[in-house]
Amino acid sequence: MTHAAGQKTLKAGDRPKQKPVHTDTNLTDH
């Protein structure tokens, strides 16, 4: 369910302010 968490953040601000990365990268970061 990591994908869901990543998508939620992306939807919250369209793009993670922490670092401009794609959802794929976010998943690995988590």
Protein backbone atom coordinates (compact mmCIF):
# COMPACT_ATOMS: atom_id res chain seq x y z
CA MET A 1 0.00 0.00 0.00
CA THR A 2 3.03 2.23 -0.40
CA HIS A 3 1.77 3.43 -3.77
CA ALA A 4 -1.41 4.77 -2.16
CA ALA A 5 0.58 6.76 0.39
CA GLY A 6 2.81 8.23 -2.31
CA GLN A 7 -0.15 9.14 -4.49
CA LYS A 8 -1.86 10.82 -1.54
CA THR A 9 1.11 13.15 -1.04
CA LEU A 10 1.28 13.96 -4.74
CA LYS A 11 -2.43 14.77 -4.80
CA ALA A 12 -2.10 16.92 -1.70
CA GLY A 13 0.34 19.31 -3.38
CA ASP A 14 0.49 17.99 -6.94
CA ARG A 15 4.25 17.71 -6.30
CA PRO A 16 6.27 16.97 -3.14
CA LYS A 17 7.84 20.23 -1.99
CA GLN A 18 10.57 18.21 -0.26
CA LYS A 19 12.11 17.23 -3.61
CA PRO A 20 10.80 17.40 -7.20
CA VAL A 21 10.72 13.67 -7.87
CA HIS A 22 8.30 11.32 -9.58
CA THR A 23 6.01 8.94 -7.69
CA ASP A 24 8.38 6.09 -8.58
CA THR A 25 11.21 7.80 -6.74
CA ASN A 26 8.97 8.71 -3.83
CA LEU A 27 8.08 5.06 -3.39
CA THR A 28 11.75 4.12 -3.09
CA ASP A 29 12.43 7.03 -0.76
CA HIS A 30 9.73 5.84 1.62
